[in-house]
Amino acid sequence: MKNIYLLLITFFVTTFSFAEVSPNEKDALIALYNATNGVSWNSTWNLDASVEKWYGVKVEDDKVVEVNLQFNNLQGTLPSEIGNLVNLKKLNLGFNKLTGTIPSSIKNLQELTSLELFMNGFEGSVPEEIGQLKKLESLKLYSNKFSGRIPKAIMGLTNLKELLMGSNYFIGTIPTEIAALTNLEKLSLMDNKLEGEIPAEMAQLRNLEELVLSTNQLTGDLPLEFMNLPKLTTLMVSDNNLNKEYVTVSGNNPPGLMYLDLQNSTATMDIEKE
């Protein structure tokens, strides 16, 4: 009987000692390392060590669930193999020197809740495939060189709480379908080339706390419906071509508005608090 126990103990110790992430996931990480000049990273990887010891990589139950390489001097492009990290929940590659486009294989990251690619040199259109990441709660693409129209596919990401796409080269109008993002708390489309009117439908975003649309080519009136947003604390629409509009808001409506930026905009608001 003792021999049986010893065998069982040996089996479990051996099994868990050699447990590791799948070859597909490891190869995907190595592809990322090679494509972004890993030897020059601020904190590099020892490829001979186990994956859970690699800087910025979080492993749970032998699955890669998070990659955080922010501020790590990544240079190069995002490889298509990134789509093989199918268990990934968070990907943060912000504040690096990445270029090129987002690969369409990004659609395979079905568990992703946070995608942060801000402060890089990504260019081209944002792929429609991002619209397939239905668990996404945070999408930060600001300060890149993205161009084209804002994909309507993003408007199907109804779990989004943060959508930050400022400081790019987006053109066209703000999609009215944005009203479907009812969980949105922070929305920034500032410093682009967006035109047309600000959709009044955005007033349906009842959880919105911050709305930043500054430095575009927006026209028309500032929708009065925004004054009914109960959680709005920041509203920035400066440096646009909005019509001159005087709005008096009395009492606590919107109750939490703390910062209103209309400087250099033709629109004007007169806020009165009781």
C-alpha atoms as a PDB file:
ATOM      1  CA  MET A   1       0.000   0.000   0.000  1.00  0.00           C
ATOM      2  CA  LYS A   2       2.882   2.371   0.839  1.00  0.00           C
ATOM      3  CA  ASN A   3       4.335   1.728  -2.583  1.00  0.00           C
ATOM      4  CA  ILE A   4       1.034   2.710  -4.207  1.00  0.00           C
ATOM      5  CA  TYR A   5       0.949   5.981  -2.254  1.00  0.00           C
ATOM      6  CA  LEU A   6       4.524   6.704  -3.231  1.00  0.00           C
ATOM      7  CA  LEU A   7       3.711   6.074  -6.870  1.00  0.00           C
ATOM      8  CA  LEU A   8       0.690   8.380  -6.720  1.00  0.00           C
ATOM      9  CA  ILE A   9       2.685  11.136  -5.034  1.00  0.00           C
ATOM     10  CA  THR A  10       5.463  10.770  -7.598  1.00  0.00           C
ATOM     11  CA  PHE A  11       2.899  10.941 -10.424  1.00  0.00           C
ATOM     12  CA  PHE A  12       1.274  14.150  -9.180  1.00  0.00           C
ATOM     13  CA  VAL A  13       4.578  15.849  -8.383  1.00  0.00           C
ATOM     14  CA  THR A  14       5.938  14.965 -11.812  1.00  0.00           C
ATOM     15  CA  THR A  15       2.743  16.038 -13.575  1.00  0.00           C
ATOM     16  CA  PHE A  16       2.506  19.434 -11.918  1.00  0.00           C
ATOM     17  CA  SER A  17       6.239  20.075 -12.092  1.00  0.00           C
ATOM     18  CA  PHE A  18       6.251  19.791 -15.853  1.00  0.00           C
ATOM     19  CA  ALA A  19       2.887  21.431 -16.502  1.00  0.00           C
ATOM     20  CA  GLU A  20       3.284  24.394 -18.837  1.00  0.00           C
ATOM     21  CA  VAL A  21       1.443  26.493 -21.379  1.00  0.00           C
ATOM     22  CA  SER A  22       0.543  24.975 -24.725  1.00  0.00           C
ATOM     23  CA  PRO A  23       3.109  25.019 -27.564  1.00  0.00           C
ATOM     24  CA  ASN A  24       0.776  27.283 -29.579  1.00  0.00           C
ATOM     25  CA  GLU A  25       0.725  29.920 -26.864  1.00  0.00           C
ATOM     26  CA  LYS A  26       4.456  29.727 -26.246  1.00  0.00           C
ATOM     27  CA  ASP A  27       5.164  29.998 -29.968  1.00  0.00           C
ATOM     28  CA  ALA A  28       2.854  33.021 -30.170  1.00  0.00           C
ATOM     29  CA  LEU A  29       4.805  34.762 -27.418  1.00  0.00           C
ATOM     30  CA  ILE A  30       8.107  33.946 -29.108  1.00  0.00           C
ATOM     31  CA  ALA A  31       6.712  35.339 -32.372  1.00  0.00           C
ATOM     32  CA  LEU A  32       5.841  38.559 -30.509  1.00  0.00           C
ATOM     33  CA  TYR A  33       9.340  38.638 -29.030  1.00  0.00           C
ATOM     34  CA  ASN A  34      11.007  38.193 -32.416  1.00  0.00           C
ATOM     35  CA  ALA A  35       8.714  40.616 -34.277  1.00  0.00           C
ATOM     36  CA  THR A  36       9.319  43.406 -31.760  1.00  0.00           C
ATOM     37  CA  ASN A  37      13.091  43.096 -31.314  1.00  0.00           C
ATOM     38  CA  GLY A  38      12.888  41.359 -27.970  1.00  0.00           C
ATOM     39  CA  VAL A  39      16.638  41.452 -27.366  1.00  0.00           C
ATOM     40  CA  SER A  40      16.378  45.255 -27.111  1.00  0.00           C
ATOM     41  CA  TRP A  41      13.432  45.365 -24.707  1.00  0.00           C
ATOM     42  CA  ASN A  42      13.954  47.180 -21.435  1.00  0.00           C
ATOM     43  CA  SER A  43      13.028  43.960 -19.645  1.00  0.00           C
ATOM     44  CA  THR A  44      13.714  41.064 -21.965  1.00  0.00           C
ATOM     45  CA  TRP A  45      12.804  37.358 -21.758  1.00  0.00           C
ATOM     46  CA  ASN A  46      14.974  34.358 -21.055  1.00  0.00           C
ATOM     47  CA  LEU A  47      13.460  32.032 -23.630  1.00  0.00           C
ATOM     48  CA  ASP A  48      14.998  29.038 -21.856  1.00  0.00           C
ATOM     49  CA  ALA A  49      13.030  29.785 -18.692  1.00  0.00           C
ATOM     50  CA  SER A  50       9.434  28.707 -18.153  1.00  0.00           C
ATOM     51  CA  VAL A  51       6.829  31.071 -19.617  1.00  0.00           C
ATOM     52  CA  GLU A  52       5.387  32.082 -16.249  1.00  0.00           C
ATOM     53  CA  LYS A  53       8.783  33.625 -15.425  1.00  0.00           C
ATOM     54  CA  TRP A  54       8.766  35.877 -18.491  1.00  0.00           C
ATOM     55  CA  TYR A  55       8.412  39.567 -17.721  1.00  0.00           C
ATOM     56  CA  GLY A  56       4.862  40.893 -18.113  1.00  0.00           C
ATOM     57  CA  VAL A  57       3.298  37.486 -18.735  1.00  0.00           C
ATOM     58  CA  LYS A  58       0.652  36.147 -16.373  1.00  0.00           C
ATOM     59  CA  VAL A  59      -0.194  32.454 -16.442  1.00  0.00           C
ATOM     60  CA  GLU A  60      -3.186  30.826 -14.759  1.00  0.00           C
ATOM     61  CA  ASP A  61      -3.942  27.110 -14.965  1.00  0.00           C
ATOM     62  CA  ASP A  62      -1.235  26.755 -17.633  1.00  0.00           C
ATOM     63  CA  LYS A  63      -2.923  29.384 -19.802  1.00  0.00           C
ATOM     64  CA  VAL A  64      -1.537  32.783 -20.777  1.00  0.00           C
ATOM     65  CA  VAL A  65      -4.177  35.219 -19.517  1.00  0.00           C
ATOM     66  CA  GLU A  66      -2.307  38.530 -19.526  1.00  0.00           C
ATOM     67  CA  VAL A  67       0.533  40.198 -21.410  1.00  0.00           C
ATOM     68  CA  ASN A  68       1.598  43.604 -20.094  1.00  0.00           C
ATOM     69  CA  LEU A  69       4.656  45.030 -21.867  1.00  0.00           C
ATOM     70  CA  GLN A  70       3.867  48.709 -21.448  1.00  0.00           C
ATOM     71  CA  PHE A  71       6.904  51.050 -21.570  1.00  0.00           C
ATOM     72  CA  ASN A  72       9.194  48.208 -22.645  1.00  0.00           C
ATOM     73  CA  ASN A  73      10.762  49.507 -25.883  1.00  0.00           C
ATOM     74  CA  LEU A  74       8.970  47.142 -28.252  1.00  0.00           C
ATOM     75  CA  GLN A  75       9.899  47.999 -31.844  1.00  0.00           C
ATOM     76  CA  GLY A  76       8.370  46.391 -34.899  1.00  0.00           C
ATOM     77  CA  THR A  77       4.964  45.030 -35.793  1.00  0.00           C
ATOM     78  CA  LEU A  78       2.311  42.934 -34.120  1.00  0.00           C
ATOM     79  CA  PRO A  79       2.578  39.389 -35.565  1.00  0.00           C
ATOM     80  CA  SER A  80      -0.458  37.441 -36.720  1.00  0.00           C
ATOM     81  CA  GLU A  81       0.458  34.728 -34.208  1.00  0.00           C
ATOM     82  CA  ILE A  82      -0.903  37.009 -31.492  1.00  0.00           C
ATOM     83  CA  GLY A  83      -4.251  35.460 -32.379  1.00  0.00           C
ATOM     84  CA  ASN A  84      -3.074  32.139 -30.945  1.00  0.00           C
ATOM     85  CA  LEU A  85      -3.210  33.502 -27.397  1.00  0.00           C
ATOM     86  CA  VAL A  86      -6.814  32.371 -27.212  1.00  0.00           C
ATOM     87  CA  ASN A  87      -7.011  32.523 -23.410  1.00  0.00           C
ATOM     88  CA  LEU A  88      -5.757  36.090 -23.164  1.00  0.00           C
ATOM     89  CA  LYS A  89      -7.868  38.446 -21.052  1.00  0.00           C
ATOM     90  CA  LYS A  90      -5.646  41.529 -21.050  1.00  0.00           C
ATOM     91  CA  LEU A  91      -3.168  42.803 -23.630  1.00  0.00           C
ATOM     92  CA  ASN A  92      -1.275  46.010 -22.858  1.00  0.00           C
ATOM     93  CA  LEU A  93       1.417  47.124 -25.303  1.00  0.00           C
ATOM     94  CA  GLY A  94       1.062  50.838 -24.612  1.00  0.00           C
ATOM     95  CA  PHE A  95       3.910  53.368 -24.759  1.00  0.00           C
ATOM     96  CA  ASN A  96       6.118  51.495 -27.208  1.00  0.00           C
ATOM     97  CA  LYS A  97       7.310  51.946 -30.802  1.00  0.00           C
ATOM     98  CA  LEU A  98       5.058  49.497 -32.616  1.00  0.00           C
ATOM     99  CA  THR A  99       4.072  50.189 -36.217  1.00  0.00           C
ATOM    100  CA  GLY A 100       2.057  48.555 -38.973  1.00  0.00           C
ATOM    101  CA  THR A 101      -1.527  47.393 -38.654  1.00  0.00           C
ATOM    102  CA  ILE A 102      -3.509  45.355 -36.160  1.00  0.00           C
ATOM    103  CA  PRO A 103      -3.658  41.804 -37.593  1.00  0.00           C
ATOM    104  CA  SER A 104      -7.099  40.405 -38.351  1.00  0.00           C
ATOM    105  CA  SER A 105      -6.217  37.388 -36.196  1.00  0.00           C
ATOM    106  CA  ILE A 106      -7.036  39.608 -33.215  1.00  0.00           C
ATOM    107  CA  LYS A 107     -10.572  38.246 -33.623  1.00  0.00           C
ATOM    108  CA  ASN A 108      -9.449  34.963 -32.056  1.00  0.00           C
ATOM    109  CA  LEU A 109      -8.937  36.565 -28.646  1.00  0.00           C
ATOM    110  CA  GLN A 110     -12.485  35.869 -27.559  1.00  0.00           C
ATOM    111  CA  GLU A 111     -11.683  36.073 -23.824  1.00  0.00           C
ATOM    112  CA  LEU A 112     -10.147  39.540 -24.105  1.00  0.00           C
ATOM    113  CA  THR A 113     -11.580  42.169 -21.759  1.00  0.00           C
ATOM    114  CA  SER A 114      -8.880  44.830 -22.182  1.00  0.00           C
ATOM    115  CA  LEU A 115      -6.964  45.814 -25.336  1.00  0.00           C
ATOM    116  CA  GLU A 116      -4.480  48.658 -24.851  1.00  0.00           C
ATOM    117  CA  LEU A 117      -2.326  49.665 -27.824  1.00  0.00           C
ATOM    118  CA  PHE A 118      -2.096  53.400 -27.084  1.00  0.00           C
ATOM    119  CA  MET A 119       0.979  55.597 -27.662  1.00  0.00           C
ATOM    120  CA  ASN A 120       2.482  53.674 -30.569  1.00  0.00           C
ATOM    121  CA  GLY A 121       2.730  54.153 -34.330  1.00  0.00           C
ATOM    122  CA  PHE A 122      -0.013  51.810 -35.519  1.00  0.00           C
ATOM    123  CA  GLU A 123      -1.562  52.889 -38.810  1.00  0.00           C
ATOM    124  CA  GLY A 124      -4.236  51.959 -41.313  1.00  0.00           C
ATOM    125  CA  SER A 125      -7.827  51.150 -40.493  1.00  0.00           C
ATOM    126  CA  VAL A 126      -8.938  49.600 -37.239  1.00  0.00           C
ATOM    127  CA  PRO A 127      -9.927  46.072 -38.314  1.00  0.00           C
ATOM    128  CA  GLU A 128     -13.617  45.226 -38.268  1.00  0.00           C
ATOM    129  CA  GLU A 129     -12.622  41.975 -36.568  1.00  0.00           C
ATOM    130  CA  ILE A 130     -12.252  43.838 -33.273  1.00  0.00           C
ATOM    131  CA  GLY A 131     -16.036  43.906 -33.266  1.00  0.00           C
ATOM    132  CA  GLN A 132     -15.983  40.165 -32.572  1.00  0.00           C
ATOM    133  CA  LEU A 133     -14.378  40.616 -29.154  1.00  0.00           C
ATOM    134  CA  LYS A 134     -17.674  40.642 -27.295  1.00  0.00           C
ATOM    135  CA  LYS A 135     -16.163  40.528 -23.789  1.00  0.00           C
ATOM    136  CA  LEU A 136     -14.107  43.675 -24.340  1.00  0.00           C
ATOM    137  CA  GLU A 137     -14.580  46.282 -21.599  1.00  0.00           C
ATOM    138  CA  SER A 138     -11.655  48.586 -22.368  1.00  0.00           C
ATOM    139  CA  LEU A 139     -10.352  49.587 -25.809  1.00  0.00           C
ATOM    140  CA  LYS A 140      -7.510  52.118 -25.799  1.00  0.00           C
ATOM    141  CA  LEU A 141      -6.116  53.005 -29.220  1.00  0.00           C
ATOM    142  CA  TYR A 142      -5.303  56.667 -28.664  1.00  0.00           C
ATOM    143  CA  SER A 143      -2.143  58.404 -29.911  1.00  0.00           C
ATOM    144  CA  ASN A 144      -1.419  56.298 -32.972  1.00  0.00           C
ATOM    145  CA  LYS A 145      -1.752  56.891 -36.716  1.00  0.00           C
ATOM    146  CA  PHE A 146      -5.020  55.063 -37.345  1.00  0.00           C
ATOM    147  CA  SER A 147      -7.051  56.416 -40.233  1.00  0.00           C
ATOM    148  CA  GLY A 148     -10.323  55.839 -42.043  1.00  0.00           C
ATOM    149  CA  ARG A 149     -13.721  55.750 -40.407  1.00  0.00           C
ATOM    150  CA  ILE A 150     -14.518  54.529 -36.946  1.00  0.00           C
ATOM    151  CA  PRO A 151     -15.662  50.930 -37.541  1.00  0.00           C
ATOM    152  CA  LYS A 152     -19.347  50.436 -36.872  1.00  0.00           C
ATOM    153  CA  ALA A 153     -18.454  46.932 -35.730  1.00  0.00           C
ATOM    154  CA  ILE A 154     -17.093  48.472 -32.528  1.00  0.00           C
ATOM    155  CA  MET A 155     -20.612  49.663 -31.751  1.00  0.00           C
ATOM    156  CA  GLY A 156     -21.562  46.051 -31.111  1.00  0.00           C
ATOM    157  CA  LEU A 157     -19.181  45.779 -28.157  1.00  0.00           C
ATOM    158  CA  THR A 158     -21.887  46.395 -25.594  1.00  0.00           C
ATOM    159  CA  ASN A 159     -19.676  45.554 -22.598  1.00  0.00           C
ATOM    160  CA  LEU A 160     -17.338  48.459 -23.312  1.00  0.00           C
ATOM    161  CA  LYS A 161     -16.749  50.830 -20.409  1.00  0.00           C
ATOM    162  CA  GLU A 162     -13.804  52.701 -21.943  1.00  0.00           C
ATOM    163  CA  LEU A 163     -13.414  53.669 -25.599  1.00  0.00           C
ATOM    164  CA  LEU A 164     -10.393  55.914 -26.069  1.00  0.00           C
ATOM    165  CA  MET A 165      -9.499  56.605 -29.707  1.00  0.00           C
ATOM    166  CA  GLY A 166      -8.204  60.164 -29.594  1.00  0.00           C
ATOM    167  CA  SER A 167      -5.160  61.599 -31.390  1.00  0.00           C
ATOM    168  CA  ASN A 168      -5.430  59.618 -34.603  1.00  0.00           C
ATOM    169  CA  TYR A 169      -6.565  60.465 -38.140  1.00  0.00           C
ATOM    170  CA  PHE A 170     -10.145  59.203 -38.113  1.00  0.00           C
ATOM    171  CA  ILE A 171     -12.493  60.834 -40.602  1.00  0.00           C
ATOM    172  CA  GLY A 172     -16.229  60.825 -41.224  1.00  0.00           C
ATOM    173  CA  THR A 173     -18.990  61.180 -38.687  1.00  0.00           C
ATOM    174  CA  ILE A 174     -19.547  59.745 -35.237  1.00  0.00           C
ATOM    175  CA  PRO A 175     -21.755  56.679 -35.820  1.00  0.00           C
ATOM    176  CA  THR A 176     -25.226  57.054 -34.337  1.00  0.00           C
ATOM    177  CA  GLU A 177     -24.962  53.370 -33.421  1.00  0.00           C
ATOM    178  CA  ILE A 178     -22.674  54.460 -30.594  1.00  0.00           C
ATOM    179  CA  ALA A 179     -25.859  54.747 -28.530  1.00  0.00           C
ATOM    180  CA  ALA A 180     -25.769  50.951 -28.189  1.00  0.00           C
ATOM    181  CA  LEU A 181     -22.731  51.181 -25.891  1.00  0.00           C
ATOM    182  CA  THR A 182     -24.887  51.695 -22.823  1.00  0.00           C
ATOM    183  CA  ASN A 183     -22.175  50.619 -20.356  1.00  0.00           C
ATOM    184  CA  LEU A 184     -19.738  53.243 -21.602  1.00  0.00           C
ATOM    185  CA  GLU A 185     -18.188  55.405 -18.868  1.00  0.00           C
ATOM    186  CA  LYS A 186     -15.343  57.097 -20.759  1.00  0.00           C
ATOM    187  CA  LEU A 187     -15.416  58.129 -24.418  1.00  0.00           C
ATOM    188  CA  SER A 188     -12.637  60.079 -26.107  1.00  0.00           C
ATOM    189  CA  LEU A 189     -12.524  60.811 -29.835  1.00  0.00           C
ATOM    190  CA  MET A 190     -10.513  64.023 -29.486  1.00  0.00           C
ATOM    191  CA  ASP A 191      -7.887  65.262 -31.934  1.00  0.00           C
ATOM    192  CA  ASN A 192      -9.116  63.530 -35.073  1.00  0.00           C
ATOM    193  CA  LYS A 193     -10.720  64.775 -38.278  1.00  0.00           C
ATOM    194  CA  LEU A 194     -14.302  63.906 -37.449  1.00  0.00           C
ATOM    195  CA  GLU A 195     -17.029  66.036 -38.990  1.00  0.00           C
ATOM    196  CA  GLY A 196     -20.792  66.376 -38.988  1.00  0.00           C
ATOM    197  CA  GLU A 197     -23.028  66.845 -35.983  1.00  0.00           C
ATOM    198  CA  ILE A 198     -22.645  65.316 -32.561  1.00  0.00           C
ATOM    199  CA  PRO A 199     -25.330  62.602 -32.472  1.00  0.00           C
ATOM    200  CA  ALA A 200     -28.096  63.394 -30.004  1.00  0.00           C
ATOM    201  CA  GLU A 201     -28.371  59.612 -29.567  1.00  0.00           C
ATOM    202  CA  MET A 202     -25.252  59.789 -27.405  1.00  0.00           C
ATOM    203  CA  ALA A 203     -27.488  61.131 -24.644  1.00  0.00           C
ATOM    204  CA  GLN A 204     -28.682  57.531 -24.238  1.00  0.00           C
ATOM    205  CA  LEU A 205     -25.303  56.687 -22.692  1.00  0.00           C
ATOM    206  CA  ARG A 206     -26.595  57.053 -19.140  1.00  0.00           C
ATOM    207  CA  ASN A 207     -23.406  55.735 -17.534  1.00  0.00           C
ATOM    208  CA  LEU A 208     -21.149  58.223 -19.298  1.00  0.00           C
ATOM    209  CA  GLU A 209     -18.791  60.091 -16.968  1.00  0.00           C
ATOM    210  CA  GLU A 210     -16.289  61.584 -19.415  1.00  0.00           C
ATOM    211  CA  LEU A 211     -17.012  62.767 -22.964  1.00  0.00           C
ATOM    212  CA  VAL A 212     -14.077  64.253 -24.873  1.00  0.00           C
ATOM    213  CA  LEU A 213     -14.653  65.382 -28.472  1.00  0.00           C
ATOM    214  CA  SER A 214     -12.238  68.326 -28.645  1.00  0.00           C
ATOM    215  CA  THR A 215     -10.164  69.276 -31.704  1.00  0.00           C
ATOM    216  CA  ASN A 216     -12.234  67.892 -34.552  1.00  0.00           C
ATOM    217  CA  GLN A 217     -14.344  69.477 -37.278  1.00  0.00           C
ATOM    218  CA  LEU A 218     -17.725  68.894 -35.683  1.00  0.00           C
ATOM    219  CA  THR A 219     -20.584  71.217 -36.593  1.00  0.00           C
ATOM    220  CA  GLY A 220     -24.162  71.917 -35.526  1.00  0.00           C
ATOM    221  CA  ASP A 221     -25.458  72.350 -32.006  1.00  0.00           C
ATOM    222  CA  LEU A 222     -24.214  70.806 -28.829  1.00  0.00           C
ATOM    223  CA  PRO A 223     -27.114  68.449 -27.991  1.00  0.00           C
ATOM    224  CA  LEU A 224     -29.041  69.768 -25.011  1.00  0.00           C
ATOM    225  CA  GLU A 225     -29.840  66.177 -24.129  1.00  0.00           C
ATOM    226  CA  PHE A 226     -26.315  65.863 -22.705  1.00  0.00           C
ATOM    227  CA  MET A 227     -27.484  67.923 -19.753  1.00  0.00           C
ATOM    228  CA  ASN A 228     -29.616  64.989 -18.656  1.00  0.00           C
ATOM    229  CA  LEU A 229     -26.703  62.580 -18.307  1.00  0.00           C
ATOM    230  CA  PRO A 230     -26.747  61.825 -14.571  1.00  0.00           C
ATOM    231  CA  LYS A 231     -23.108  60.731 -14.192  1.00  0.00           C
ATOM    232  CA  LEU A 232     -21.387  63.168 -16.541  1.00  0.00           C
ATOM    233  CA  THR A 233     -18.453  64.914 -14.844  1.00  0.00           C
ATOM    234  CA  THR A 234     -16.330  65.972 -17.836  1.00  0.00           C
ATOM    235  CA  LEU A 235     -17.491  67.420 -21.154  1.00  0.00           C
ATOM    236  CA  MET A 236     -14.896  68.704 -23.630  1.00  0.00           C
ATOM    237  CA  VAL A 237     -15.870  69.964 -27.094  1.00  0.00           C
ATOM    238  CA  SER A 238     -13.400  72.806 -27.668  1.00  0.00           C
ATOM    239  CA  ASP A 239     -11.743  73.495 -31.031  1.00  0.00           C
ATOM    240  CA  ASN A 240     -14.670  72.494 -33.229  1.00  0.00           C
ATOM    241  CA  ASN A 241     -17.068  74.411 -35.450  1.00  0.00           C
ATOM    242  CA  LEU A 242     -20.178  74.140 -33.303  1.00  0.00           C
ATOM    243  CA  ASN A 243     -22.967  76.691 -33.577  1.00  0.00           C
ATOM    244  CA  LYS A 244     -23.233  79.434 -30.991  1.00  0.00           C
ATOM    245  CA  GLU A 245     -25.626  78.032 -28.432  1.00  0.00           C
ATOM    246  CA  TYR A 246     -26.478  79.458 -25.025  1.00  0.00           C
ATOM    247  CA  VAL A 247     -27.716  76.930 -22.513  1.00  0.00           C
ATOM    248  CA  THR A 248     -28.647  77.681 -18.939  1.00  0.00           C
ATOM    249  CA  VAL A 249     -28.481  74.704 -16.627  1.00  0.00           C
ATOM    250  CA  SER A 250     -29.777  75.275 -13.119  1.00  0.00           C
ATOM    251  CA  GLY A 251     -29.890  73.105 -10.036  1.00  0.00           C
ATOM    252  CA  ASN A 252     -28.115  69.770 -10.233  1.00  0.00           C
ATOM    253  CA  ASN A 253     -28.648  68.944 -13.876  1.00  0.00           C
ATOM    254  CA  PRO A 254     -26.338  67.285 -14.769  1.00  0.00           C
ATOM    255  CA  PRO A 255     -25.633  66.734 -11.071  1.00  0.00           C
ATOM    256  CA  GLY A 256     -21.974  65.746 -11.289  1.00  0.00           C
ATOM    257  CA  LEU A 257     -20.619  68.030 -14.013  1.00  0.00           C
ATOM    258  CA  MET A 258     -17.272  69.274 -12.727  1.00  0.00           C
ATOM    259  CA  TYR A 259     -15.327  70.140 -15.884  1.00  0.00           C
ATOM    260  CA  LEU A 260     -16.684  71.837 -18.976  1.00  0.00           C
ATOM    261  CA  ASP A 261     -14.311  72.833 -21.779  1.00  0.00           C
ATOM    262  CA  LEU A 262     -15.682  75.009 -24.559  1.00  0.00           C
ATOM    263  CA  GLN A 263     -12.610  77.187 -25.068  1.00  0.00           C
ATOM    264  CA  ASN A 264     -11.959  78.151 -28.700  1.00  0.00           C
ATOM    265  CA  SER A 265     -15.307  76.691 -29.675  1.00  0.00           C
ATOM    266  CA  THR A 266     -18.120  78.860 -30.968  1.00  0.00           C
ATOM    267  CA  ALA A 267     -20.549  77.035 -28.692  1.00  0.00           C
ATOM    268  CA  THR A 268     -21.136  78.527 -25.274  1.00  0.00           C
ATOM    269  CA  MET A 269     -22.793  77.200 -22.138  1.00  0.00           C
ATOM    270  CA  ASP A 270     -23.879  79.152 -19.106  1.00  0.00           C
ATOM    271  CA  ILE A 271     -23.882  76.803 -16.132  1.00  0.00           C
ATOM    272  CA  GLU A 272     -25.778  77.890 -13.019  1.00  0.00           C
ATOM    273  CA  LYS A 273     -25.697  75.752  -9.914  1.00  0.00           C
ATOM    274  CA  GLU A 274     -28.106  76.315  -7.053  1.00  0.00           C
END
